[in-house]
Amino acid sequence: MRLLIDTSRVSFTVGREPEAKKDQNGVQRVERNTNIPMWSVQLVAMDDGGAEVITVTVAAPQPPKVAVGQPVAPVELQAIPWAQNGRNGVAYRATDVKPVSASKSATSTPAGEK
């Protein structure tokens, strides 16, 4: 089951440069079906309730072209619940992480204007 997250009320900022997602032996992981390399992107997710740091996995031939501090939008962000050896949590995955254009972030009306 794919649990897609509604990100319409969340802003995301890159917290750390994208890194190769590696296994316990230091080898970069690849998607099982496609052999496409996997990348980890740390994002700071902010909404009305505060902020949370999440790590999002993206499968792509090259790492997403984003920089620390840059506003971004994860594409098709999904939550993947997991449980293993008595531990559990949520993994995050997206098809891409794209920079947010200035025009998209300037959609609110300035104070005093209608």
PDB file of N, CA and C in Angstrom:
ATOM      1  N   MET A   1       0.849  -1.176   0.000  1.00  0.00           N
ATOM      2  CA  MET A   1       0.000   0.000   0.000  1.00  0.00           C
ATOM      3  C   MET A   1       0.894   1.238   0.000  1.00  0.00           C
ATOM      4  N   ARG A   2       0.602   2.183  -0.881  1.00  0.00           N
ATOM      5  CA  ARG A   2       1.333   3.452  -0.922  1.00  0.00           C
ATOM      6  C   ARG A   2       0.565   4.478  -0.108  1.00  0.00           C
ATOM      7  N   LEU A   3       1.200   5.027   0.926  1.00  0.00           N
ATOM      8  CA  LEU A   3       0.587   6.057   1.748  1.00  0.00           C
ATOM      9  C   LEU A   3       1.210   7.397   1.364  1.00  0.00           C
ATOM     10  N   LEU A   4       0.585   8.112   0.424  1.00  0.00           N
ATOM     11  CA  LEU A   4       1.110   9.400  -0.011  1.00  0.00           C
ATOM     12  C   LEU A   4       0.757  10.473   1.011  1.00  0.00           C
ATOM     13  N   ILE A   5       1.689  11.376   1.239  1.00  0.00           N
ATOM     14  CA  ILE A   5       1.513  12.431   2.228  1.00  0.00           C
ATOM     15  C   ILE A   5       1.049  13.711   1.536  1.00  0.00           C
ATOM     16  N   ASP A   6       0.019  14.342   2.089  1.00  0.00           N
ATOM     17  CA  ASP A   6      -0.442  15.640   1.589  1.00  0.00           C
ATOM     18  C   ASP A   6       0.548  16.692   2.078  1.00  0.00           C
ATOM     19  N   THR A   7       1.328  17.240   1.170  1.00  0.00           N
ATOM     20  CA  THR A   7       2.358  18.217   1.538  1.00  0.00           C
ATOM     21  C   THR A   7       1.929  19.649   1.254  1.00  0.00           C
ATOM     22  N   SER A   8       0.646  19.867   0.950  1.00  0.00           N
ATOM     23  CA  SER A   8       0.189  21.192   0.554  1.00  0.00           C
ATOM     24  C   SER A   8       0.343  22.244   1.658  1.00  0.00           C
ATOM     25  N   ARG A   9       0.378  21.849   2.902  1.00  0.00           N
ATOM     26  CA  ARG A   9       0.510  22.811   4.007  1.00  0.00           C
ATOM     27  C   ARG A   9       1.840  22.673   4.744  1.00  0.00           C
ATOM     28  N   VAL A  10       2.806  22.068   4.064  1.00  0.00           N
ATOM     29  CA  VAL A  10       4.122  21.846   4.662  1.00  0.00           C
ATOM     30  C   VAL A  10       5.174  22.483   3.768  1.00  0.00           C
ATOM     31  N   SER A  11       6.127  23.172   4.373  1.00  0.00           N
ATOM     32  CA  SER A  11       7.255  23.682   3.590  1.00  0.00           C
ATOM     33  C   SER A  11       8.477  22.840   3.948  1.00  0.00           C
ATOM     34  N   PHE A  12       9.323  22.609   2.956  1.00  0.00           N
ATOM     35  CA  PHE A  12      10.497  21.761   3.133  1.00  0.00           C
ATOM     36  C   PHE A  12      11.756  22.539   2.765  1.00  0.00           C
ATOM     37  N   THR A  13      12.790  22.354   3.565  1.00  0.00           N
ATOM     38  CA  THR A  13      14.093  22.956   3.320  1.00  0.00           C
ATOM     39  C   THR A  13      15.138  21.856   3.417  1.00  0.00           C
ATOM     40  N   VAL A  14      16.133  21.904   2.545  1.00  0.00           N
ATOM     41  CA  VAL A  14      17.200  20.905   2.567  1.00  0.00           C
ATOM     42  C   VAL A  14      18.064  21.136   3.807  1.00  0.00           C
ATOM     43  N   GLY A  15      18.277  20.080   4.588  1.00  0.00           N
ATOM     44  CA  GLY A  15      19.078  20.172   5.808  1.00  0.00           C
ATOM     45  C   GLY A  15      20.516  19.720   5.618  1.00  0.00           C
ATOM     46  N   ARG A  16      20.754  18.861   4.622  1.00  0.00           N
ATOM     47  CA  ARG A  16      22.100  18.347   4.355  1.00  0.00           C
ATOM     48  C   ARG A  16      22.171  17.946   2.885  1.00  0.00           C
ATOM     49  N   GLU A  17      23.356  18.050   2.301  1.00  0.00           N
ATOM     50  CA  GLU A  17      23.550  17.671   0.897  1.00  0.00           C
ATOM     51  C   GLU A  17      23.090  16.222   0.687  1.00  0.00           C
ATOM     52  N   PRO A  18      22.506  15.913  -0.482  1.00  0.00           N
ATOM     53  CA  PRO A  18      22.127  14.521  -0.765  1.00  0.00           C
ATOM     54  C   PRO A  18      23.355  13.607  -0.684  1.00  0.00           C
ATOM     55  N   GLU A  19      23.143  12.408  -0.150  1.00  0.00           N
ATOM     56  CA  GLU A  19      24.224  11.425   0.001  1.00  0.00           C
ATOM     57  C   GLU A  19      23.772  10.090  -0.579  1.00  0.00           C
ATOM     58  N   ALA A  20      24.727   9.298  -1.027  1.00  0.00           N
ATOM     59  CA  ALA A  20      24.424   7.944  -1.477  1.00  0.00           C
ATOM     60  C   ALA A  20      23.871   7.154  -0.294  1.00  0.00           C
ATOM     61  N   LYS A  21      22.786   6.425  -0.503  1.00  0.00           N
ATOM     62  CA  LYS A  21      22.242   5.559   0.547  1.00  0.00           C
ATOM     63  C   LYS A  21      23.048   4.265   0.502  1.00  0.00           C
ATOM     64  N   LYS A  22      23.703   3.940   1.609  1.00  0.00           N
ATOM     65  CA  LYS A  22      24.617   2.794   1.628  1.00  0.00           C
ATOM     66  C   LYS A  22      24.134   1.698   2.562  1.00  0.00           C
ATOM     67  N   ASP A  23      24.543   0.466   2.251  1.00  0.00           N
ATOM     68  CA  ASP A  23      24.229  -0.659   3.119  1.00  0.00           C
ATOM     69  C   ASP A  23      25.277  -0.743   4.231  1.00  0.00           C
ATOM     70  N   GLN A  24      25.182  -1.771   5.072  1.00  0.00           N
ATOM     71  CA  GLN A  24      26.095  -1.905   6.210  1.00  0.00           C
ATOM     72  C   GLN A  24      27.544  -2.122   5.788  1.00  0.00           C
ATOM     73  N   ASN A  25      27.783  -2.497   4.521  1.00  0.00           N
ATOM     74  CA  ASN A  25      29.147  -2.701   4.017  1.00  0.00           C
ATOM     75  C   ASN A  25      29.694  -1.482   3.278  1.00  0.00           C
ATOM     76  N   GLY A  26      28.916  -0.382   3.269  1.00  0.00           N
ATOM     77  CA  GLY A  26      29.376   0.839   2.615  1.00  0.00           C
ATOM     78  C   GLY A  26      29.123   0.879   1.118  1.00  0.00           C
ATOM     79  N   VAL A  27      28.340  -0.072   0.596  1.00  0.00           N
ATOM     80  CA  VAL A  27      28.031  -0.124  -0.835  1.00  0.00           C
ATOM     81  C   VAL A  27      26.717   0.625  -1.077  1.00  0.00           C
ATOM     82  N   GLN A  28      26.692   1.464  -2.119  1.00  0.00           N
ATOM     83  CA  GLN A  28      25.469   2.205  -2.409  1.00  0.00           C
ATOM     84  C   GLN A  28      24.343   1.249  -2.762  1.00  0.00           C
ATOM     85  N   ARG A  29      23.191   1.489  -2.139  1.00  0.00           N
ATOM     86  CA  ARG A  29      22.016   0.666  -2.414  1.00  0.00           C
ATOM     87  C   ARG A  29      21.400   1.044  -3.755  1.00  0.00           C
ATOM     88  N   VAL A  30      20.722   0.069  -4.368  1.00  0.00           N
ATOM     89  CA  VAL A  30      19.995   0.287  -5.616  1.00  0.00           C
ATOM     90  C   VAL A  30      18.598  -0.286  -5.462  1.00  0.00           C
ATOM     91  N   GLU A  31      17.660   0.226  -6.258  1.00  0.00           N
ATOM     92  CA  GLU A  31      16.310  -0.330  -6.264  1.00  0.00           C
ATOM     93  C   GLU A  31      16.354  -1.766  -6.753  1.00  0.00           C
ATOM     94  N   ARG A  32      15.564  -2.612  -6.146  1.00  0.00           N
ATOM     95  CA  ARG A  32      15.564  -4.038  -6.511  1.00  0.00           C
ATOM     96  C   ARG A  32      15.205  -4.281  -7.971  1.00  0.00           C
ATOM     97  N   ASN A  33      14.135  -3.676  -8.430  1.00  0.00           N
ATOM     98  CA  ASN A  33      13.623  -3.976  -9.765  1.00  0.00           C
ATOM     99  C   ASN A  33      14.344  -3.245 -10.892  1.00  0.00           C
ATOM    100  N   THR A  34      14.928  -2.093 -10.592  1.00  0.00           N
ATOM    101  CA  THR A  34      15.481  -1.255 -11.659  1.00  0.00           C
ATOM    102  C   THR A  34      17.001  -1.097 -11.618  1.00  0.00           C
ATOM    103  N   ASN A  35      17.615  -1.422 -10.492  1.00  0.00           N
ATOM    104  CA  ASN A  35      19.053  -1.197 -10.282  1.00  0.00           C
ATOM    105  C   ASN A  35      19.443   0.276 -10.325  1.00  0.00           C
ATOM    106  N   ILE A  36      18.498   1.183 -10.117  1.00  0.00           N
ATOM    107  CA  ILE A  36      18.773   2.616 -10.076  1.00  0.00           C
ATOM    108  C   ILE A  36      19.325   2.950  -8.685  1.00  0.00           C
ATOM    109  N   PRO A  37      20.427   3.738  -8.608  1.00  0.00           N
ATOM    110  CA  PRO A  37      21.005   4.101  -7.313  1.00  0.00           C
ATOM    111  C   PRO A  37      20.016   4.871  -6.428  1.00  0.00           C
ATOM    112  N   MET A  38      20.183   4.713  -5.113  1.00  0.00           N
ATOM    113  CA  MET A  38      19.317   5.386  -4.152  1.00  0.00           C
ATOM    114  C   MET A  38      20.109   6.450  -3.407  1.00  0.00           C
ATOM    115  N   TRP A  39      19.432   7.579  -3.124  1.00  0.00           N
ATOM    116  CA  TRP A  39      20.032   8.728  -2.461  1.00  0.00           C
ATOM    117  C   TRP A  39      19.213   9.106  -1.246  1.00  0.00           C
ATOM    118  N   SER A  40      19.865   9.608  -0.207  1.00  0.00           N
ATOM    119  CA  SER A  40      19.194  10.110   0.992  1.00  0.00           C
ATOM    120  C   SER A  40      19.287  11.628   1.005  1.00  0.00           C
ATOM    121  N   VAL A  41      18.139  12.271   1.229  1.00  0.00           N
ATOM    122  CA  VAL A  41      18.091  13.722   1.305  1.00  0.00           C
ATOM    123  C   VAL A  41      17.453  14.096   2.643  1.00  0.00           C
ATOM    124  N   GLN A  42      18.192  14.826   3.473  1.00  0.00           N
ATOM    125  CA  GLN A  42      17.654  15.265   4.757  1.00  0.00           C
ATOM    126  C   GLN A  42      16.846  16.538   4.527  1.00  0.00           C
ATOM    127  N   LEU A  43      15.584  16.515   4.976  1.00  0.00           N
ATOM    128  CA  LEU A  43      14.712  17.677   4.834  1.00  0.00           C
ATOM    129  C   LEU A  43      14.195  18.129   6.183  1.00  0.00           C
ATOM    130  N   VAL A  44      14.031  19.434   6.331  1.00  0.00           N
ATOM    131  CA  VAL A  44      13.361  20.002   7.489  1.00  0.00           C
ATOM    132  C   VAL A  44      11.948  20.325   7.031  1.00  0.00           C
ATOM    133  N   ALA A  45      10.979  19.629   7.606  1.00  0.00           N
ATOM    134  CA  ALA A  45       9.572  19.811   7.252  1.00  0.00           C
ATOM    135  C   ALA A  45       8.936  20.727   8.289  1.00  0.00           C
ATOM    136  N   MET A  46       8.319  21.829   7.830  1.00  0.00           N
ATOM    137  CA  MET A  46       7.715  22.794   8.752  1.00  0.00           C
ATOM    138  C   MET A  46       6.249  23.013   8.411  1.00  0.00           C
ATOM    139  N   ASP A  47       5.423  23.012   9.458  1.00  0.00           N
ATOM    140  CA  ASP A  47       4.019  23.363   9.291  1.00  0.00           C
ATOM    141  C   ASP A  47       3.593  24.168  10.508  1.00  0.00           C
ATOM    142  N   ASP A  48       2.293  24.392  10.675  1.00  0.00           N
ATOM    143  CA  ASP A  48       1.795  25.198  11.787  1.00  0.00           C
ATOM    144  C   ASP A  48       2.151  24.611  13.148  1.00  0.00           C
ATOM    145  N   GLY A  49       2.400  23.300  13.206  1.00  0.00           N
ATOM    146  CA  GLY A  49       2.696  22.639  14.466  1.00  0.00           C
ATOM    147  C   GLY A  49       4.171  22.620  14.841  1.00  0.00           C
ATOM    148  N   GLY A  50       5.039  23.108  13.961  1.00  0.00           N
ATOM    149  CA  GLY A  50       6.464  23.117  14.254  1.00  0.00           C
ATOM    150  C   GLY A  50       7.267  22.500  13.120  1.00  0.00           C
ATOM    151  N   ALA A  51       8.432  21.980  13.469  1.00  0.00           N
ATOM    152  CA  ALA A  51       9.340  21.427  12.461  1.00  0.00           C
ATOM    153  C   ALA A  51       9.790  20.033  12.859  1.00  0.00           C
ATOM    154  N   GLU A  52      10.125  19.249  11.844  1.00  0.00           N
ATOM    155  CA  GLU A  52      10.649  17.899  12.057  1.00  0.00           C
ATOM    156  C   GLU A  52      11.667  17.614  10.965  1.00  0.00           C
ATOM    157  N   VAL A  53      12.741  16.953  11.325  1.00  0.00           N
ATOM    158  CA  VAL A  53      13.750  16.560  10.348  1.00  0.00           C
ATOM    159  C   VAL A  53      13.434  15.139   9.887  1.00  0.00           C
ATOM    160  N   ILE A  54      13.338  14.967   8.559  1.00  0.00           N
ATOM    161  CA  ILE A  54      13.084  13.643   8.002  1.00  0.00           C
ATOM    162  C   ILE A  54      14.143  13.342   6.946  1.00  0.00           C
ATOM    163  N   THR A  55      14.408  12.077   6.733  1.00  0.00           N
ATOM    164  CA  THR A  55      15.307  11.662   5.663  1.00  0.00           C
ATOM    165  C   THR A  55      14.468  10.991   4.592  1.00  0.00           C
ATOM    166  N   VAL A  56      14.581  11.497   3.373  1.00  0.00           N
ATOM    167  CA  VAL A  56      13.783  11.016   2.251  1.00  0.00           C
ATOM    168  C   VAL A  56      14.695  10.268   1.282  1.00  0.00           C
ATOM    169  N   THR A  57      14.285   9.076   0.872  1.00  0.00           N
ATOM    170  CA  THR A  57      15.033   8.294  -0.108  1.00  0.00           C
ATOM    171  C   THR A  57      14.483   8.582  -1.501  1.00  0.00           C
ATOM    172  N   VAL A  58      15.406   8.814  -2.442  1.00  0.00           N
ATOM    173  CA  VAL A  58      15.056   9.054  -3.840  1.00  0.00           C
ATOM    174  C   VAL A  58      15.898   8.113  -4.690  1.00  0.00           C
ATOM    175  N   ALA A  59      15.260   7.430  -5.647  1.00  0.00           N
ATOM    176  CA  ALA A  59      15.995   6.593  -6.600  1.00  0.00           C
ATOM    177  C   ALA A  59      16.164   7.395  -7.888  1.00  0.00           C
ATOM    178  N   ALA A  60      17.431   7.597  -8.289  1.00  0.00           N
ATOM    179  CA  ALA A  60      17.725   8.367  -9.500  1.00  0.00           C
ATOM    180  C   ALA A  60      19.157   8.079  -9.919  1.00  0.00           C
ATOM    181  N   PRO A  61      19.453   8.208 -11.216  1.00  0.00           N
ATOM    182  CA  PRO A  61      20.824   7.970 -11.676  1.00  0.00           C
ATOM    183  C   PRO A  61      21.848   8.911 -11.026  1.00  0.00           C
ATOM    184  N   GLN A  62      21.427  10.154 -10.738  1.00  0.00           N
ATOM    185  CA  GLN A  62      22.274  11.153 -10.086  1.00  0.00           C
ATOM    186  C   GLN A  62      21.539  11.695  -8.860  1.00  0.00           C
ATOM    187  N   PRO A  63      22.269  12.247  -7.885  1.00  0.00           N
ATOM    188  CA  PRO A  63      21.579  12.808  -6.716  1.00  0.00           C
ATOM    189  C   PRO A  63      20.720  14.003  -7.115  1.00  0.00           C
ATOM    190  N   PRO A  64      19.644  14.268  -6.360  1.00  0.00           N
ATOM    191  CA  PRO A  64      18.833  15.452  -6.645  1.00  0.00           C
ATOM    192  C   PRO A  64      19.708  16.706  -6.603  1.00  0.00           C
ATOM    193  N   LYS A  65      19.455  17.654  -7.501  1.00  0.00           N
ATOM    194  CA  LYS A  65      20.252  18.881  -7.584  1.00  0.00           C
ATOM    195  C   LYS A  65      19.650  19.934  -6.651  1.00  0.00           C
ATOM    196  N   VAL A  66      19.944  19.767  -5.364  1.00  0.00           N
ATOM    197  CA  VAL A  66      19.467  20.693  -4.336  1.00  0.00           C
ATOM    198  C   VAL A  66      20.629  21.023  -3.410  1.00  0.00           C
ATOM    199  N   ALA A  67      20.503  22.145  -2.693  1.00  0.00           N
ATOM    200  CA  ALA A  67      21.577  22.604  -1.808  1.00  0.00           C
ATOM    201  C   ALA A  67      21.039  22.863  -0.410  1.00  0.00           C
ATOM    202  N   VAL A  68      21.915  22.822   0.567  1.00  0.00           N
ATOM    203  CA  VAL A  68      21.547  23.082   1.959  1.00  0.00           C
ATOM    204  C   VAL A  68      20.875  24.452   2.070  1.00  0.00           C
ATOM    205  N   GLY A  69      19.746  24.486   2.773  1.00  0.00           N
ATOM    206  CA  GLY A  69      19.014  25.722   2.992  1.00  0.00           C
ATOM    207  C   GLY A  69      18.029  26.069   1.888  1.00  0.00           C
ATOM    208  N   GLN A  70      18.023  25.309   0.819  1.00  0.00           N
ATOM    209  CA  GLN A  70      17.158  25.589  -0.325  1.00  0.00           C
ATOM    210  C   GLN A  70      15.741  25.076  -0.080  1.00  0.00           C
ATOM    211  N   PRO A  71      14.715  25.904  -0.359  1.00  0.00           N
ATOM    212  CA  PRO A  71      13.336  25.415  -0.288  1.00  0.00           C
ATOM    213  C   PRO A  71      13.098  24.405  -1.412  1.00  0.00           C
ATOM    214  N   VAL A  72      12.464  23.288  -1.079  1.00  0.00           N
ATOM    215  CA  VAL A  72      12.228  22.223  -2.052  1.00  0.00           C
ATOM    216  C   VAL A  72      10.826  21.650  -1.891  1.00  0.00           C
ATOM    217  N   ALA A  73      10.444  20.834  -2.865  1.00  0.00           N
ATOM    218  CA  ALA A  73       9.178  20.108  -2.808  1.00  0.00           C
ATOM    219  C   ALA A  73       9.447  18.647  -3.139  1.00  0.00           C
ATOM    220  N   PRO A  74       9.195  17.742  -2.195  1.00  0.00           N
ATOM    221  CA  PRO A  74       9.304  16.318  -2.522  1.00  0.00           C
ATOM    222  C   PRO A  74       8.147  15.913  -3.423  1.00  0.00           C
ATOM    223  N   VAL A  75       8.443  15.139  -4.461  1.00  0.00           N
ATOM    224  CA  VAL A  75       7.434  14.699  -5.427  1.00  0.00           C
ATOM    225  C   VAL A  75       6.930  13.319  -5.016  1.00  0.00           C
ATOM    226  N   GLU A  76       5.614  13.186  -4.890  1.00  0.00           N
ATOM    227  CA  GLU A  76       4.978  11.926  -4.482  1.00  0.00           C
ATOM    228  C   GLU A  76       5.603  11.363  -3.211  1.00  0.00           C
ATOM    229  N   LEU A  77       5.668  12.200  -2.180  1.00  0.00           N
ATOM    230  CA  LEU A  77       6.229  11.780  -0.896  1.00  0.00           C
ATOM    231  C   LEU A  77       5.318  10.736  -0.271  1.00  0.00           C
ATOM    232  N   GLN A  78       5.919   9.632   0.146  1.00  0.00           N
ATOM    233  CA  GLN A  78       5.134   8.583   0.782  1.00  0.00           C
ATOM    234  C   GLN A  78       5.766   8.157   2.098  1.00  0.00           C
ATOM    235  N   ALA A  79       4.917   7.694   2.994  1.00  0.00           N
ATOM    236  CA  ALA A  79       5.337   7.165   4.281  1.00  0.00           C
ATOM    237  C   ALA A  79       5.285   5.646   4.195  1.00  0.00           C
ATOM    238  N   ILE A  80       6.353   4.995   4.644  1.00  0.00           N
ATOM    239  CA  ILE A  80       6.419   3.540   4.590  1.00  0.00           C
ATOM    240  C   ILE A  80       6.660   3.015   6.011  1.00  0.00           C
ATOM    241  N   PRO A  81       5.597   2.548   6.684  1.00  0.00           N
ATOM    242  CA  PRO A  81       5.782   1.997   8.032  1.00  0.00           C
ATOM    243  C   PRO A  81       6.642   0.733   7.973  1.00  0.00           C
ATOM    244  N   TRP A  82       7.497   0.541   8.989  1.00  0.00           N
ATOM    245  CA  TRP A  82       8.328  -0.659   9.027  1.00  0.00           C
ATOM    246  C   TRP A  82       8.455  -1.152  10.464  1.00  0.00           C
ATOM    247  N   ALA A  83       8.748  -2.442  10.592  1.00  0.00           N
ATOM    248  CA  ALA A  83       9.006  -3.063  11.888  1.00  0.00           C
ATOM    249  C   ALA A  83      10.040  -4.158  11.658  1.00  0.00           C
ATOM    250  N   GLN A  84      11.083  -4.167  12.508  1.00  0.00           N
ATOM    251  CA  GLN A  84      12.142  -5.155  12.357  1.00  0.00           C
ATOM    252  C   GLN A  84      12.847  -5.341  13.696  1.00  0.00           C
ATOM    253  N   ASN A  85      13.006  -6.580  14.110  1.00  0.00           N
ATOM    254  CA  ASN A  85      13.723  -6.914  15.346  1.00  0.00           C
ATOM    255  C   ASN A  85      13.236  -6.118  16.552  1.00  0.00           C
ATOM    256  N   GLY A  86      11.914  -5.979  16.681  1.00  0.00           N
ATOM    257  CA  GLY A  86      11.342  -5.286  17.828  1.00  0.00           C
ATOM    258  C   GLY A  86      11.371  -3.768  17.719  1.00  0.00           C
ATOM    259  N   ARG A  87      11.920  -3.248  16.650  1.00  0.00           N
ATOM    260  CA  ARG A  87      11.944  -1.790  16.426  1.00  0.00           C
ATOM    261  C   ARG A  87      10.958  -1.473  15.314  1.00  0.00           C
ATOM    262  N   ASN A  88      10.466  -0.225  15.308  1.00  0.00           N
ATOM    263  CA  ASN A  88       9.576   0.186  14.225  1.00  0.00           C
ATOM    264  C   ASN A  88       9.713   1.671  13.979  1.00  0.00           C
ATOM    265  N   GLY A  89       9.202   2.107  12.851  1.00  0.00           N
ATOM    266  CA  GLY A  89       9.264   3.513  12.507  1.00  0.00           C
ATOM    267  C   GLY A  89       8.605   3.754  11.166  1.00  0.00           C
ATOM    268  N   VAL A  90       8.944   4.899  10.583  1.00  0.00           N
ATOM    269  CA  VAL A  90       8.409   5.276   9.287  1.00  0.00           C
ATOM    270  C   VAL A  90       9.574   5.704   8.408  1.00  0.00           C
ATOM    271  N   ALA A  91       9.659   5.135   7.221  1.00  0.00           N
ATOM    272  CA  ALA A  91      10.645   5.558   6.228  1.00  0.00           C
ATOM    273  C   ALA A  91       9.920   6.453   5.232  1.00  0.00           C
ATOM    274  N   TYR A  92      10.648   7.411   4.679  1.00  0.00           N
ATOM    275  CA  TYR A  92      10.056   8.328   3.704  1.00  0.00           C
ATOM    276  C   TYR A  92      10.735   8.136   2.361  1.00  0.00           C
ATOM    277  N   ARG A  93       9.917   8.181   1.306  1.00  0.00           N
ATOM    278  CA  ARG A  93      10.435   8.001  -0.043  1.00  0.00           C
ATOM    279  C   ARG A  93       9.712   8.970  -0.967  1.00  0.00           C
ATOM    280  N   ALA A  94      10.427   9.471  -1.971  1.00  0.00           N
ATOM    281  CA  ALA A  94       9.826  10.357  -2.971  1.00  0.00           C
ATOM    282  C   ALA A  94      10.389   9.988  -4.332  1.00  0.00           C
ATOM    283  N   THR A  95       9.668  10.330  -5.388  1.00  0.00           N
ATOM    284  CA  THR A  95      10.180  10.065  -6.719  1.00  0.00           C
ATOM    285  C   THR A  95      11.235  11.093  -7.112  1.00  0.00           C
ATOM    286  N   ASP A  96      11.213  12.279  -6.468  1.00  0.00           N
ATOM    287  CA  ASP A  96      12.207  13.323  -6.713  1.00  0.00           C
ATOM    288  C   ASP A  96      12.089  14.369  -5.618  1.00  0.00           C
ATOM    289  N   VAL A  97      13.110  15.194  -5.488  1.00  0.00           N
ATOM    290  CA  VAL A  97      13.084  16.369  -4.617  1.00  0.00           C
ATOM    291  C   VAL A  97      13.503  17.527  -5.511  1.00  0.00           C
ATOM    292  N   LYS A  98      12.568  18.467  -5.717  1.00  0.00           N
ATOM    293  CA  LYS A  98      12.816  19.561  -6.662  1.00  0.00           C
ATOM    294  C   LYS A  98      12.848  20.907  -5.959  1.00  0.00           C
ATOM    295  N   PRO A  99      13.714  21.804  -6.436  1.00  0.00           N
ATOM    296  CA  PRO A  99      13.726  23.163  -5.885  1.00  0.00           C
ATOM    297  C   PRO A  99      12.370  23.829  -6.105  1.00  0.00           C
ATOM    298  N   VAL A 100      11.966  24.664  -5.147  1.00  0.00           N
ATOM    299  CA  VAL A 100      10.726  25.418  -5.269  1.00  0.00           C
ATOM    300  C   VAL A 100      11.064  26.731  -5.963  1.00  0.00           C
ATOM    301  N   SER A 101      10.310  27.045  -7.007  1.00  0.00           N
ATOM    302  CA  SER A 101      10.555  28.298  -7.728  1.00  0.00           C
ATOM    303  C   SER A 101      10.075  29.478  -6.902  1.00  0.00           C
ATOM    304  N   ALA A 102      10.672  30.632  -7.128  1.00  0.00           N
ATOM    305  CA  ALA A 102      10.310  31.845  -6.391  1.00  0.00           C
ATOM    306  C   ALA A 102       8.853  32.206  -6.613  1.00  0.00           C
ATOM    307  N   SER A 103       8.339  31.989  -7.822  1.00  0.00           N
ATOM    308  CA  SER A 103       6.947  32.350  -8.114  1.00  0.00           C
ATOM    309  C   SER A 103       5.972  31.508  -7.302  1.00  0.00           C
ATOM    310  N   LYS A 104       6.322  30.236  -7.033  1.00  0.00           N
ATOM    311  CA  LYS A 104       5.434  29.368  -6.252  1.00  0.00           C
ATOM    312  C   LYS A 104       5.391  29.805  -4.788  1.00  0.00           C
ATOM    313  N   SER A 105       6.545  30.237  -4.245  1.00  0.00           N
ATOM    314  CA  SER A 105       6.578  30.623  -2.837  1.00  0.00           C
ATOM    315  C   SER A 105       6.000  32.012  -2.620  1.00  0.00           C
ATOM    316  N   ALA A 106       5.771  32.784  -3.675  1.00  0.00           N
ATOM    317  CA  ALA A 106       5.255  34.147  -3.544  1.00  0.00           C
ATOM    318  C   ALA A 106       3.765  34.205  -3.869  1.00  0.00           C
ATOM    319  N   THR A 107       3.025  33.183  -3.494  1.00  0.00           N
ATOM    320  CA  THR A 107       1.601  33.136  -3.830  1.00  0.00           C
ATOM    321  C   THR A 107       0.731  33.790  -2.771  1.00  0.00           C
ATOM    322  N   SER A 108       1.269  34.082  -1.592  1.00  0.00           N
ATOM    323  CA  SER A 108       0.436  34.699  -0.564  1.00  0.00           C
ATOM    324  C   SER A 108       0.335  36.195  -0.813  1.00  0.00           C
ATOM    325  N   THR A 109      -0.767  36.786  -0.359  1.00  0.00           N
ATOM    326  CA  THR A 109      -0.990  38.211  -0.523  1.00  0.00           C
ATOM    327  C   THR A 109      -0.326  38.955   0.619  1.00  0.00           C
ATOM    328  N   PRO A 110       0.474  39.995   0.346  1.00  0.00           N
ATOM    329  CA  PRO A 110       1.117  40.749   1.416  1.00  0.00           C
ATOM    330  C   PRO A 110       0.074  41.370   2.345  1.00  0.00           C
ATOM    331  N   ALA A 111       0.454  41.612   3.593  1.00  0.00           N
ATOM    332  CA  ALA A 111      -0.455  42.182   4.581  1.00  0.00           C
ATOM    333  C   ALA A 111      -0.982  43.525   4.087  1.00  0.00           C
ATOM    334  N   GLY A 112      -2.277  43.743   4.259  1.00  0.00           N
ATOM    335  CA  GLY A 112      -2.872  45.008   3.876  1.00  0.00           C
ATOM    336  C   GLY A 112      -3.389  45.023   2.452  1.00  0.00           C
ATOM    337  N   GLU A 113      -3.060  44.036   1.615  1.00  0.00           N
ATOM    338  CA  GLU A 113      -3.554  44.006   0.246  1.00  0.00           C
ATOM    339  C   GLU A 113      -4.684  42.989   0.130  1.00  0.00           C
ATOM    340  N   LYS A 114      -5.597  43.244  -0.783  1.00  0.00           N
ATOM    341  CA  LYS A 114      -6.715  42.318  -1.002  1.00  0.00           C
ATOM    342  C   LYS A 114      -6.906  42.075  -2.455  1.00  0.00           C
TER     343      LYS A 114
END
